[in-house]
């Protein structure tokens, strides 16, 4: 059984560092997917401004709500990409070390996202 598993393509990437790198790259792709889904009618610079602007400085409550909603949904798209990768790596392909790196960076990014949202 172990001989058959060693010949699989995913046995080469079963390392923590590959999961860590994948966990850093996929949120960037998730950000662009969030841009297409949430801010497709906006230019990228306008979307980036909505995403990065401090919503506490805005006095208009409707505009403040738009900033918060855009930020939260975009960050969720970023982290959903890692959740999808975890599903395939852990449950389908059973590459545990890769999954460990992916989960560790996702937890770090989730903590940073929590600070960024609130």
PDB file of N, CA and C in Angstrom:
ATOM      1  N   UNK A   1       0.824  -1.194   0.000  1.00  0.00           N
ATOM      2  CA  UNK A   1       0.000   0.000   0.000  1.00  0.00           C
ATOM      3  C   UNK A   1       0.868   1.258   0.000  1.00  0.00           C
ATOM      4  N   UNK A   2       1.937   1.242   0.775  1.00  0.00           N
ATOM      5  CA  UNK A   2       2.822   2.406   0.857  1.00  0.00           C
ATOM      6  C   UNK A   2       3.574   2.620  -0.452  1.00  0.00           C
ATOM      7  N   UNK A   3       3.863   1.546  -1.177  1.00  0.00           N
ATOM      8  CA  UNK A   3       4.559   1.672  -2.461  1.00  0.00           C
ATOM      9  C   UNK A   3       3.655   2.357  -3.473  1.00  0.00           C
ATOM     10  N   UNK A   4       2.377   2.011  -3.484  1.00  0.00           N
ATOM     11  CA  UNK A   4       1.448   2.650  -4.415  1.00  0.00           C
ATOM     12  C   UNK A   4       1.264   4.126  -4.073  1.00  0.00           C
ATOM     13  N   UNK A   5       1.254   4.444  -2.793  1.00  0.00           N
ATOM     14  CA  UNK A   5       1.062   5.824  -2.384  1.00  0.00           C
ATOM     15  C   UNK A   5       2.272   6.682  -2.746  1.00  0.00           C
ATOM     16  N   UNK A   6       3.463   6.108  -2.723  1.00  0.00           N
ATOM     17  CA  UNK A   6       4.677   6.861  -3.026  1.00  0.00           C
ATOM     18  C   UNK A   6       4.727   7.284  -4.489  1.00  0.00           C
ATOM     19  N   UNK A   7       4.046   6.566  -5.366  1.00  0.00           N
ATOM     20  CA  UNK A   7       4.070   6.900  -6.780  1.00  0.00           C
ATOM     21  C   UNK A   7       3.041   7.954  -7.163  1.00  0.00           C
ATOM     22  N   UNK A   8       2.186   8.347  -6.276  1.00  0.00           N
ATOM     23  CA  UNK A   8       1.165   9.340  -6.585  1.00  0.00           C
ATOM     24  C   UNK A   8       1.807  10.716  -6.707  1.00  0.00           C
ATOM     25  N   UNK A   9       1.204  11.566  -7.540  1.00  0.00           N
ATOM     26  CA  UNK A   9       1.749  12.903  -7.770  1.00  0.00           C
ATOM     27  C   UNK A   9       1.716  13.762  -6.521  1.00  0.00           C
ATOM     28  N   UNK A  10       0.722  13.547  -5.681  1.00  0.00           N
ATOM     29  CA  UNK A  10       0.574  14.403  -4.515  1.00  0.00           C
ATOM     30  C   UNK A  10       1.474  13.999  -3.359  1.00  0.00           C
ATOM     31  N   UNK A  11       2.146  12.862  -3.457  1.00  0.00           N
ATOM     32  CA  UNK A  11       3.075  12.501  -2.389  1.00  0.00           C
ATOM     33  C   UNK A  11       4.302  13.412  -2.391  1.00  0.00           C
ATOM     34  N   UNK A  12       4.596  14.035  -3.526  1.00  0.00           N
ATOM     35  CA  UNK A  12       5.739  14.953  -3.605  1.00  0.00           C
ATOM     36  C   UNK A  12       5.468  16.268  -2.886  1.00  0.00           C
ATOM     37  N   UNK A  13       4.222  16.692  -2.842  1.00  0.00           N
ATOM     38  CA  UNK A  13       3.911  17.974  -2.203  1.00  0.00           C
ATOM     39  C   UNK A  13       3.435  17.809  -0.766  1.00  0.00           C
ATOM     40  N   UNK A  14       3.551  16.632  -0.217  1.00  0.00           N
ATOM     41  CA  UNK A  14       3.094  16.381   1.147  1.00  0.00           C
ATOM     42  C   UNK A  14       4.132  16.885   2.155  1.00  0.00           C
ATOM     43  N   UNK A  15       4.348  18.181   2.144  1.00  0.00           N
ATOM     44  CA  UNK A  15       5.262  18.834   3.075  1.00  0.00           C
ATOM     45  C   UNK A  15       4.585  20.086   3.617  1.00  0.00           C
ATOM     46  N   UNK A  16       4.946  20.442   4.839  1.00  0.00           N
ATOM     47  CA  UNK A  16       4.323  21.592   5.487  1.00  0.00           C
ATOM     48  C   UNK A  16       4.594  22.874   4.713  1.00  0.00           C
ATOM     49  N   UNK A  17       5.809  23.006   4.178  1.00  0.00           N
ATOM     50  CA  UNK A  17       6.148  24.262   3.489  1.00  0.00           C
ATOM     51  C   UNK A  17       5.295  24.477   2.244  1.00  0.00           C
ATOM     52  N   UNK A  18       4.928  23.409   1.537  1.00  0.00           N
ATOM     53  CA  UNK A  18       4.069  23.563   0.362  1.00  0.00           C
ATOM     54  C   UNK A  18       2.647  23.971   0.760  1.00  0.00           C
ATOM     55  N   UNK A  19       2.166  23.436   1.860  1.00  0.00           N
ATOM     56  CA  UNK A  19       0.864  23.849   2.362  1.00  0.00           C
ATOM     57  C   UNK A  19       0.871  25.296   2.820  1.00  0.00           C
ATOM     58  N   UNK A  20       1.979  25.708   3.426  1.00  0.00           N
ATOM     59  CA  UNK A  20       2.123  27.086   3.883  1.00  0.00           C
ATOM     60  C   UNK A  20       2.114  28.058   2.705  1.00  0.00           C
ATOM     61  N   UNK A  21       2.871  27.721   1.659  1.00  0.00           N
ATOM     62  CA  UNK A  21       2.941  28.585   0.472  1.00  0.00           C
ATOM     63  C   UNK A  21       1.590  28.622  -0.240  1.00  0.00           C
ATOM     64  N   UNK A  22       0.952  27.471  -0.358  1.00  0.00           N
ATOM     65  CA  UNK A  22      -0.372  27.424  -0.985  1.00  0.00           C
ATOM     66  C   UNK A  22      -1.372  28.252  -0.190  1.00  0.00           C
ATOM     67  N   UNK A  23      -1.266  28.193   1.130  1.00  0.00           N
ATOM     68  CA  UNK A  23      -2.147  28.978   1.979  1.00  0.00           C
ATOM     69  C   UNK A  23      -1.914  30.471   1.882  1.00  0.00           C
ATOM     70  N   UNK A  24      -0.758  30.880   1.403  1.00  0.00           N
ATOM     71  CA  UNK A  24      -0.498  32.301   1.171  1.00  0.00           C
ATOM     72  C   UNK A  24      -0.932  32.750  -0.220  1.00  0.00           C
ATOM     73  N   UNK A  25      -0.858  31.853  -1.203  1.00  0.00           N
ATOM     74  CA  UNK A  25      -1.178  32.212  -2.591  1.00  0.00           C
ATOM     75  C   UNK A  25      -2.686  32.191  -2.849  1.00  0.00           C
ATOM     76  N   UNK A  26      -3.383  31.206  -2.326  1.00  0.00           N
ATOM     77  CA  UNK A  26      -4.817  31.076  -2.601  1.00  0.00           C
ATOM     78  C   UNK A  26      -5.665  32.258  -2.127  1.00  0.00           C
ATOM     79  N   UNK A  27      -5.359  32.883  -0.987  1.00  0.00           N
ATOM     80  CA  UNK A  27      -6.152  34.068  -0.635  1.00  0.00           C
ATOM     81  C   UNK A  27      -6.009  35.218  -1.632  1.00  0.00           C
ATOM     82  N   UNK A  28      -4.871  35.318  -2.287  1.00  0.00           N
ATOM     83  CA  UNK A  28      -4.714  36.347  -3.321  1.00  0.00           C
ATOM     84  C   UNK A  28      -5.649  36.051  -4.485  1.00  0.00           C
ATOM     85  N   UNK A  29      -5.723  34.785  -4.879  1.00  0.00           N
ATOM     86  CA  UNK A  29      -6.676  34.405  -5.926  1.00  0.00           C
ATOM     87  C   UNK A  29      -8.114  34.624  -5.460  1.00  0.00           C
ATOM     88  N   UNK A  30      -8.382  34.313  -4.197  1.00  0.00           N
ATOM     89  CA  UNK A  30      -9.708  34.553  -3.635  1.00  0.00           C
ATOM     90  C   UNK A  30     -10.066  36.028  -3.610  1.00  0.00           C
ATOM     91  N   UNK A  31      -9.057  36.878  -3.415  1.00  0.00           N
ATOM     92  CA  UNK A  31      -9.304  38.319  -3.445  1.00  0.00           C
ATOM     93  C   UNK A  31      -9.769  38.754  -4.828  1.00  0.00           C
ATOM     94  N   UNK A  32      -9.125  38.238  -5.868  1.00  0.00           N
ATOM     95  CA  UNK A  32      -9.532  38.609  -7.221  1.00  0.00           C
ATOM     96  C   UNK A  32     -10.899  38.028  -7.582  1.00  0.00           C
ATOM     97  N   UNK A  33     -11.210  36.849  -7.070  1.00  0.00           N
ATOM     98  CA  UNK A  33     -12.550  36.293  -7.273  1.00  0.00           C
ATOM     99  C   UNK A  33     -13.580  37.161  -6.546  1.00  0.00           C
ATOM    100  N   UNK A  34     -13.237  37.604  -5.344  1.00  0.00           N
ATOM    101  CA  UNK A  34     -14.117  38.515  -4.616  1.00  0.00           C
ATOM    102  C   UNK A  34     -14.301  39.831  -5.342  1.00  0.00           C
ATOM    103  N   UNK A  35     -13.240  40.310  -5.983  1.00  0.00           N
ATOM    104  CA  UNK A  35     -13.343  41.537  -6.775  1.00  0.00           C
ATOM    105  C   UNK A  35     -14.301  41.340  -7.940  1.00  0.00           C
ATOM    106  N   UNK A  36     -14.210  40.206  -8.609  1.00  0.00           N
ATOM    107  CA  UNK A  36     -15.107  39.949  -9.734  1.00  0.00           C
ATOM    108  C   UNK A  36     -16.548  39.754  -9.277  1.00  0.00           C
ATOM    109  N   UNK A  37     -16.736  39.117  -8.124  1.00  0.00           N
ATOM    110  CA  UNK A  37     -18.089  38.842  -7.644  1.00  0.00           C
ATOM    111  C   UNK A  37     -18.733  40.059  -6.984  1.00  0.00           C
ATOM    112  N   UNK A  38     -17.976  40.772  -6.206  1.00  0.00           N
ATOM    113  CA  UNK A  38     -18.550  41.861  -5.408  1.00  0.00           C
ATOM    114  C   UNK A  38     -18.386  43.229  -6.063  1.00  0.00           C
ATOM    115  N   UNK A  39     -17.258  43.466  -6.679  1.00  0.00           N
ATOM    116  CA  UNK A  39     -16.997  44.800  -7.204  1.00  0.00           C
ATOM    117  C   UNK A  39     -16.720  44.810  -8.682  1.00  0.00           C
ATOM    118  N   UNK A  40     -17.367  43.938  -9.427  1.00  0.00           N
ATOM    119  CA  UNK A  40     -17.117  43.827 -10.858  1.00  0.00           C
ATOM    120  C   UNK A  40     -17.398  45.091 -11.639  1.00  0.00           C
ATOM    121  N   UNK A  41     -18.338  45.903 -11.171  1.00  0.00           N
ATOM    122  CA  UNK A  41     -18.660  47.136 -11.893  1.00  0.00           C
ATOM    123  C   UNK A  41     -17.718  48.277 -11.520  1.00  0.00           C
ATOM    124  N   UNK A  42     -16.922  48.100 -10.467  1.00  0.00           N
ATOM    125  CA  UNK A  42     -15.982  49.127 -10.027  1.00  0.00           C
ATOM    126  C   UNK A  42     -14.619  48.906 -10.664  1.00  0.00           C
ATOM    127  N   UNK A  43     -13.839  49.956 -10.734  1.00  0.00           N
ATOM    128  CA  UNK A  43     -12.453  49.776 -11.153  1.00  0.00           C
ATOM    129  C   UNK A  43     -11.698  49.134  -9.990  1.00  0.00           C
ATOM    130  N   UNK A  44     -10.554  48.549 -10.304  1.00  0.00           N
ATOM    131  CA  UNK A  44      -9.800  47.874  -9.257  1.00  0.00           C
ATOM    132  C   UNK A  44      -9.321  48.868  -8.200  1.00  0.00           C
ATOM    133  N   UNK A  45      -8.922  50.062  -8.615  1.00  0.00           N
ATOM    134  CA  UNK A  45      -8.446  51.049  -7.638  1.00  0.00           C
ATOM    135  C   UNK A  45      -9.573  51.500  -6.701  1.00  0.00           C
ATOM    136  N   UNK A  46     -10.784  51.642  -7.226  1.00  0.00           N
ATOM    137  CA  UNK A  46     -11.922  52.005  -6.380  1.00  0.00           C
ATOM    138  C   UNK A  46     -12.259  50.873  -5.413  1.00  0.00           C
ATOM    139  N   UNK A  47     -12.224  49.644  -5.922  1.00  0.00           N
ATOM    140  CA  UNK A  47     -12.486  48.489  -5.061  1.00  0.00           C
ATOM    141  C   UNK A  47     -11.429  48.384  -3.966  1.00  0.00           C
ATOM    142  N   UNK A  48     -10.179  48.620  -4.321  1.00  0.00           N
ATOM    143  CA  UNK A  48      -9.092  48.562  -3.342  1.00  0.00           C
ATOM    144  C   UNK A  48      -9.288  49.639  -2.273  1.00  0.00           C
ATOM    145  N   UNK A  49      -9.740  50.816  -2.680  1.00  0.00           N
ATOM    146  CA  UNK A  49      -9.992  51.884  -1.721  1.00  0.00           C
ATOM    147  C   UNK A  49     -11.136  51.493  -0.777  1.00  0.00           C
ATOM    148  N   UNK A  50     -12.197  50.901  -1.306  1.00  0.00           N
ATOM    149  CA  UNK A  50     -13.294  50.428  -0.452  1.00  0.00           C
ATOM    150  C   UNK A  50     -12.810  49.365   0.526  1.00  0.00           C
ATOM    151  N   UNK A  51     -11.897  48.537   0.050  1.00  0.00           N
ATOM    152  CA  UNK A  51     -11.396  47.431   0.863  1.00  0.00           C
ATOM    153  C   UNK A  51     -10.458  47.914   1.968  1.00  0.00           C
ATOM    154  N   UNK A  52      -9.629  48.900   1.675  1.00  0.00           N
ATOM    155  CA  UNK A  52      -8.597  49.297   2.626  1.00  0.00           C
ATOM    156  C   UNK A  52      -8.944  50.503   3.478  1.00  0.00           C
ATOM    157  N   UNK A  53      -9.952  51.264   3.102  1.00  0.00           N
ATOM    158  CA  UNK A  53     -10.255  52.484   3.855  1.00  0.00           C
ATOM    159  C   UNK A  53     -10.790  52.140   5.235  1.00  0.00           C
ATOM    160  N   UNK A  54     -10.355  52.900   6.205  1.00  0.00           N
ATOM    161  CA  UNK A  54     -10.807  52.726   7.579  1.00  0.00           C
ATOM    162  C   UNK A  54     -12.261  53.191   7.682  1.00  0.00           C
ATOM    163  N   UNK A  55     -13.155  52.275   7.972  1.00  0.00           N
ATOM    164  CA  UNK A  55     -14.581  52.612   8.003  1.00  0.00           C
ATOM    165  C   UNK A  55     -14.954  53.452   9.219  1.00  0.00           C
ATOM    166  N   UNK A  56     -14.092  53.534  10.214  1.00  0.00           N
ATOM    167  CA  UNK A  56     -14.387  54.365  11.382  1.00  0.00           C
ATOM    168  C   UNK A  56     -14.290  55.856  11.066  1.00  0.00           C
ATOM    169  N   UNK A  57     -13.557  56.202  10.012  1.00  0.00           N
ATOM    170  CA  UNK A  57     -13.411  57.606   9.636  1.00  0.00           C
ATOM    171  C   UNK A  57     -14.618  58.134   8.868  1.00  0.00           C
ATOM    172  N   UNK A  58     -15.472  57.223   8.396  1.00  0.00           N
ATOM    173  CA  UNK A  58     -16.636  57.615   7.604  1.00  0.00           C
ATOM    174  C   UNK A  58     -17.788  57.941   8.551  1.00  0.00           C
ATOM    175  N   UNK A  59     -18.417  59.085   8.340  1.00  0.00           N
ATOM    176  CA  UNK A  59     -19.512  59.493   9.232  1.00  0.00           C
ATOM    177  C   UNK A  59     -20.879  59.057   8.722  1.00  0.00           C
ATOM    178  N   UNK A  60     -21.032  58.897   7.423  1.00  0.00           N
ATOM    179  CA  UNK A  60     -22.301  58.470   6.837  1.00  0.00           C
ATOM    180  C   UNK A  60     -22.509  56.985   7.138  1.00  0.00           C
ATOM    181  N   UNK A  61     -23.593  56.633   7.807  1.00  0.00           N
ATOM    182  CA  UNK A  61     -23.801  55.244   8.230  1.00  0.00           C
ATOM    183  C   UNK A  61     -24.035  54.304   7.051  1.00  0.00           C
ATOM    184  N   UNK A  62     -24.684  54.778   5.993  1.00  0.00           N
ATOM    185  CA  UNK A  62     -24.913  53.922   4.826  1.00  0.00           C
ATOM    186  C   UNK A  62     -23.596  53.610   4.127  1.00  0.00           C
ATOM    187  N   UNK A  63     -22.746  54.602   3.986  1.00  0.00           N
ATOM    188  CA  UNK A  63     -21.442  54.401   3.353  1.00  0.00           C
ATOM    189  C   UNK A  63     -20.546  53.524   4.223  1.00  0.00           C
ATOM    190  N   UNK A  64     -20.642  53.707   5.528  1.00  0.00           N
ATOM    191  CA  UNK A  64     -19.878  52.888   6.468  1.00  0.00           C
ATOM    192  C   UNK A  64     -20.283  51.422   6.347  1.00  0.00           C
ATOM    193  N   UNK A  65     -21.570  51.180   6.183  1.00  0.00           N
ATOM    194  CA  UNK A  65     -22.075  49.820   6.017  1.00  0.00           C
ATOM    195  C   UNK A  65     -21.568  49.193   4.721  1.00  0.00           C
ATOM    196  N   UNK A  66     -21.488  49.985   3.666  1.00  0.00           N
ATOM    197  CA  UNK A  66     -20.968  49.474   2.390  1.00  0.00           C
ATOM    198  C   UNK A  66     -19.506  49.087   2.529  1.00  0.00           C
ATOM    199  N   UNK A  67     -18.717  49.927   3.204  1.00  0.00           N
ATOM    200  CA  UNK A  67     -17.304  49.616   3.416  1.00  0.00           C
ATOM    201  C   UNK A  67     -17.143  48.316   4.204  1.00  0.00           C
ATOM    202  N   UNK A  68     -17.899  48.174   5.284  1.00  0.00           N
ATOM    203  CA  UNK A  68     -17.792  46.979   6.112  1.00  0.00           C
ATOM    204  C   UNK A  68     -18.224  45.730   5.352  1.00  0.00           C
ATOM    205  N   UNK A  69     -19.313  45.824   4.618  1.00  0.00           N
ATOM    206  CA  UNK A  69     -19.811  44.675   3.867  1.00  0.00           C
ATOM    207  C   UNK A  69     -18.823  44.249   2.788  1.00  0.00           C
ATOM    208  N   UNK A  70     -18.255  45.207   2.095  1.00  0.00           N
ATOM    209  CA  UNK A  70     -17.275  44.889   1.053  1.00  0.00           C
ATOM    210  C   UNK A  70     -16.049  44.227   1.652  1.00  0.00           C
ATOM    211  N   UNK A  71     -15.583  44.753   2.751  1.00  0.00           N
ATOM    212  CA  UNK A  71     -14.390  44.196   3.396  1.00  0.00           C
ATOM    213  C   UNK A  71     -14.646  42.780   3.901  1.00  0.00           C
ATOM    214  N   UNK A  72     -15.763  42.571   4.565  1.00  0.00           N
ATOM    215  CA  UNK A  72     -16.064  41.254   5.119  1.00  0.00           C
ATOM    216  C   UNK A  72     -16.248  40.204   4.035  1.00  0.00           C
ATOM    217  N   UNK A  73     -17.002  40.529   3.003  1.00  0.00           N
ATOM    218  CA  UNK A  73     -17.241  39.537   1.957  1.00  0.00           C
ATOM    219  C   UNK A  73     -15.971  39.227   1.177  1.00  0.00           C
ATOM    220  N   UNK A  74     -15.128  40.213   0.960  1.00  0.00           N
ATOM    221  CA  UNK A  74     -13.875  39.962   0.248  1.00  0.00           C
ATOM    222  C   UNK A  74     -12.942  39.096   1.079  1.00  0.00           C
ATOM    223  N   UNK A  75     -12.846  39.363   2.363  1.00  0.00           N
ATOM    224  CA  UNK A  75     -11.999  38.535   3.220  1.00  0.00           C
ATOM    225  C   UNK A  75     -12.528  37.106   3.314  1.00  0.00           C
ATOM    226  N   UNK A  76     -13.825  36.935   3.275  1.00  0.00           N
ATOM    227  CA  UNK A  76     -14.382  35.587   3.294  1.00  0.00           C
ATOM    228  C   UNK A  76     -14.058  34.838   2.001  1.00  0.00           C
ATOM    229  N   UNK A  77     -14.086  35.526   0.868  1.00  0.00           N
ATOM    230  CA  UNK A  77     -13.665  34.890  -0.382  1.00  0.00           C
ATOM    231  C   UNK A  77     -12.209  34.446  -0.285  1.00  0.00           C
ATOM    232  N   UNK A  78     -11.386  35.274   0.337  1.00  0.00           N
ATOM    233  CA  UNK A  78      -9.970  34.930   0.478  1.00  0.00           C
ATOM    234  C   UNK A  78      -9.788  33.655   1.300  1.00  0.00           C
ATOM    235  N   UNK A  79     -10.511  33.544   2.388  1.00  0.00           N
ATOM    236  CA  UNK A  79     -10.348  32.381   3.253  1.00  0.00           C
ATOM    237  C   UNK A  79     -11.088  31.150   2.734  1.00  0.00           C
ATOM    238  N   UNK A  80     -12.135  31.336   1.942  1.00  0.00           N
ATOM    239  CA  UNK A  80     -12.840  30.190   1.365  1.00  0.00           C
ATOM    240  C   UNK A  80     -11.962  29.417   0.385  1.00  0.00           C
ATOM    241  N   UNK A  81     -11.060  30.096  -0.282  1.00  0.00           N
ATOM    242  CA  UNK A  81     -10.137  29.405  -1.181  1.00  0.00           C
ATOM    243  C   UNK A  81      -9.276  28.418  -0.394  1.00  0.00           C
ATOM    244  N   UNK A  82      -8.840  28.809   0.795  1.00  0.00           N
ATOM    245  CA  UNK A  82      -8.061  27.897   1.628  1.00  0.00           C
ATOM    246  C   UNK A  82      -8.913  26.749   2.155  1.00  0.00           C
ATOM    247  N   UNK A  83     -10.167  27.019   2.449  1.00  0.00           N
ATOM    248  CA  UNK A  83     -11.041  25.944   2.917  1.00  0.00           C
ATOM    249  C   UNK A  83     -11.261  24.898   1.832  1.00  0.00           C
ATOM    250  N   UNK A  84     -11.402  25.339   0.612  1.00  0.00           N
ATOM    251  CA  UNK A  84     -11.558  24.411  -0.505  1.00  0.00           C
ATOM    252  C   UNK A  84     -10.289  23.578  -0.697  1.00  0.00           C
ATOM    253  N   UNK A  85      -9.142  24.219  -0.603  1.00  0.00           N
ATOM    254  CA  UNK A  85      -7.876  23.488  -0.717  1.00  0.00           C
ATOM    255  C   UNK A  85      -7.727  22.483   0.422  1.00  0.00           C
ATOM    256  N   UNK A  86      -8.156  22.845   1.622  1.00  0.00           N
ATOM    257  CA  UNK A  86      -8.090  21.920   2.746  1.00  0.00           C
ATOM    258  C   UNK A  86      -8.981  20.708   2.516  1.00  0.00           C
ATOM    259  N   UNK A  87     -10.167  20.935   1.987  1.00  0.00           N
ATOM    260  CA  UNK A  87     -11.070  19.819   1.720  1.00  0.00           C
ATOM    261  C   UNK A  87     -10.407  18.799   0.800  1.00  0.00           C
ATOM    262  N   UNK A  88      -9.836  19.270  -0.292  1.00  0.00           N
ATOM    263  CA  UNK A  88      -9.204  18.342  -1.227  1.00  0.00           C
ATOM    264  C   UNK A  88      -7.948  17.713  -0.642  1.00  0.00           C
ATOM    265  N   UNK A  89      -7.129  18.489   0.038  1.00  0.00           N
ATOM    266  CA  UNK A  89      -5.867  17.940   0.531  1.00  0.00           C
ATOM    267  C   UNK A  89      -6.064  16.968   1.684  1.00  0.00           C
ATOM    268  N   UNK A  90      -6.990  17.234   2.563  1.00  0.00           N
ATOM    269  CA  UNK A  90      -7.139  16.388   3.742  1.00  0.00           C
ATOM    270  C   UNK A  90      -8.119  15.241   3.533  1.00  0.00           C
ATOM    271  N   UNK A  91      -9.262  15.519   2.952  1.00  0.00           N
ATOM    272  CA  UNK A  91     -10.294  14.498   2.849  1.00  0.00           C
ATOM    273  C   UNK A  91     -10.196  13.659   1.581  1.00  0.00           C
ATOM    274  N   UNK A  92      -9.776  14.236   0.482  1.00  0.00           N
ATOM    275  CA  UNK A  92      -9.726  13.500  -0.775  1.00  0.00           C
ATOM    276  C   UNK A  92      -8.370  12.824  -0.967  1.00  0.00           C
ATOM    277  N   UNK A  93      -7.282  13.617  -0.880  1.00  0.00           N
ATOM    278  CA  UNK A  93      -5.953  13.086  -1.194  1.00  0.00           C
ATOM    279  C   UNK A  93      -5.176  12.599   0.018  1.00  0.00           C
ATOM    280  N   UNK A  94      -5.620  12.901   1.214  1.00  0.00           N
ATOM    281  CA  UNK A  94      -4.991  12.438   2.461  1.00  0.00           C
ATOM    282  C   UNK A  94      -3.524  12.847   2.564  1.00  0.00           C
ATOM    283  N   UNK A  95      -3.227  14.093   2.229  1.00  0.00           N
ATOM    284  CA  UNK A  95      -1.862  14.600   2.390  1.00  0.00           C
ATOM    285  C   UNK A  95      -1.842  15.464   3.657  1.00  0.00           C
ATOM    286  N   UNK A  96      -1.482  14.803   4.752  1.00  0.00           N
ATOM    287  CA  UNK A  96      -1.630  15.386   6.079  1.00  0.00           C
ATOM    288  C   UNK A  96      -0.658  16.529   6.357  1.00  0.00           C
ATOM    289  N   UNK A  97       0.602  16.377   5.971  1.00  0.00           N
ATOM    290  CA  UNK A  97       1.571  17.440   6.253  1.00  0.00           C
ATOM    291  C   UNK A  97       1.245  18.704   5.468  1.00  0.00           C
ATOM    292  N   UNK A  98       0.847  18.541   4.233  1.00  0.00           N
ATOM    293  CA  UNK A  98       0.415  19.683   3.424  1.00  0.00           C
ATOM    294  C   UNK A  98      -0.766  20.372   4.095  1.00  0.00           C
ATOM    295  N   UNK A  99      -1.714  19.573   4.569  1.00  0.00           N
ATOM    296  CA  UNK A  99      -2.901  20.120   5.235  1.00  0.00           C
ATOM    297  C   UNK A  99      -2.534  20.847   6.519  1.00  0.00           C
ATOM    298  N   UNK A 100      -1.539  20.343   7.227  1.00  0.00           N
ATOM    299  CA  UNK A 100      -1.108  20.993   8.464  1.00  0.00           C
ATOM    300  C   UNK A 100      -0.547  22.394   8.185  1.00  0.00           C
ATOM    301  N   UNK A 101       0.254  22.520   7.140  1.00  0.00           N
ATOM    302  CA  UNK A 101       0.766  23.836   6.762  1.00  0.00           C
ATOM    303  C   UNK A 101      -0.337  24.763   6.302  1.00  0.00           C
ATOM    304  N   UNK A 102      -1.282  24.219   5.553  1.00  0.00           N
ATOM    305  CA  UNK A 102      -2.407  25.010   5.053  1.00  0.00           C
ATOM    306  C   UNK A 102      -3.281  25.519   6.196  1.00  0.00           C
ATOM    307  N   UNK A 103      -3.560  24.659   7.155  1.00  0.00           N
ATOM    308  CA  UNK A 103      -4.395  25.059   8.293  1.00  0.00           C
ATOM    309  C   UNK A 103      -3.668  26.082   9.162  1.00  0.00           C
ATOM    310  N   UNK A 104      -2.368  25.898   9.369  1.00  0.00           N
ATOM    311  CA  UNK A 104      -1.640  26.835  10.230  1.00  0.00           C
ATOM    312  C   UNK A 104      -1.637  28.244   9.645  1.00  0.00           C
ATOM    313  N   UNK A 105      -1.371  28.387   8.355  1.00  0.00           N
ATOM    314  CA  UNK A 105      -1.368  29.723   7.760  1.00  0.00           C
ATOM    315  C   UNK A 105      -2.788  30.280   7.680  1.00  0.00           C
ATOM    316  N   UNK A 106      -3.789  29.421   7.495  1.00  0.00           N
ATOM    317  CA  UNK A 106      -5.172  29.892   7.454  1.00  0.00           C
ATOM    318  C   UNK A 106      -5.597  30.439   8.811  1.00  0.00           C
ATOM    319  N   UNK A 107      -5.185  29.794   9.886  1.00  0.00           N
ATOM    320  CA  UNK A 107      -5.506  30.304  11.223  1.00  0.00           C
ATOM    321  C   UNK A 107      -4.835  31.648  11.480  1.00  0.00           C
ATOM    322  N   UNK A 108      -3.601  31.785  11.025  1.00  0.00           N
ATOM    323  CA  UNK A 108      -2.901  33.066  11.170  1.00  0.00           C
ATOM    324  C   UNK A 108      -3.610  34.148  10.362  1.00  0.00           C
ATOM    325  N   UNK A 109      -3.966  33.820   9.125  1.00  0.00           N
ATOM    326  CA  UNK A 109      -4.661  34.794   8.277  1.00  0.00           C
ATOM    327  C   UNK A 109      -6.048  35.131   8.817  1.00  0.00           C
ATOM    328  N   UNK A 110      -6.728  34.145   9.402  1.00  0.00           N
ATOM    329  CA  UNK A 110      -8.052  34.408   9.979  1.00  0.00           C
ATOM    330  C   UNK A 110      -7.938  35.350  11.172  1.00  0.00           C
ATOM    331  N   UNK A 111      -6.901  35.183  11.985  1.00  0.00           N
ATOM    332  CA  UNK A 111      -6.702  36.089  13.118  1.00  0.00           C
ATOM    333  C   UNK A 111      -6.404  37.505  12.634  1.00  0.00           C
ATOM    334  N   UNK A 112      -5.574  37.626  11.609  1.00  0.00           N
ATOM    335  CA  UNK A 112      -5.281  38.945  11.042  1.00  0.00           C
ATOM    336  C   UNK A 112      -6.543  39.545  10.427  1.00  0.00           C
ATOM    337  N   UNK A 113      -7.330  38.721   9.749  1.00  0.00           N
ATOM    338  CA  UNK A 113      -8.580  39.203   9.147  1.00  0.00           C
ATOM    339  C   UNK A 113      -9.554  39.683  10.210  1.00  0.00           C
ATOM    340  N   UNK A 114      -9.608  38.975  11.310  1.00  0.00           N
ATOM    341  CA  UNK A 114     -10.489  39.384  12.402  1.00  0.00           C
ATOM    342  C   UNK A 114     -10.088  40.758  12.929  1.00  0.00           C
ATOM    343  N   UNK A 115      -8.789  40.985  13.065  1.00  0.00           N
ATOM    344  CA  UNK A 115      -8.315  42.298  13.498  1.00  0.00           C
ATOM    345  C   UNK A 115      -8.603  43.365  12.449  1.00  0.00           C
ATOM    346  N   UNK A 116      -8.531  42.978  11.187  1.00  0.00           N
ATOM    347  CA  UNK A 116      -8.749  43.919  10.095  1.00  0.00           C
ATOM    348  C   UNK A 116     -10.216  44.309   9.976  1.00  0.00           C
ATOM    349  N   UNK A 117     -11.121  43.371  10.240  1.00  0.00           N
ATOM    350  CA  UNK A 117     -12.558  43.643  10.132  1.00  0.00           C
ATOM    351  C   UNK A 117     -13.029  44.476  11.317  1.00  0.00           C
ATOM    352  N   UNK A 118     -12.613  44.111  12.509  1.00  0.00           N
ATOM    353  CA  UNK A 118     -13.132  44.770  13.714  1.00  0.00           C
ATOM    354  C   UNK A 118     -12.057  45.603  14.307  1.00  0.00           C
TER     355      UNK A 118
END
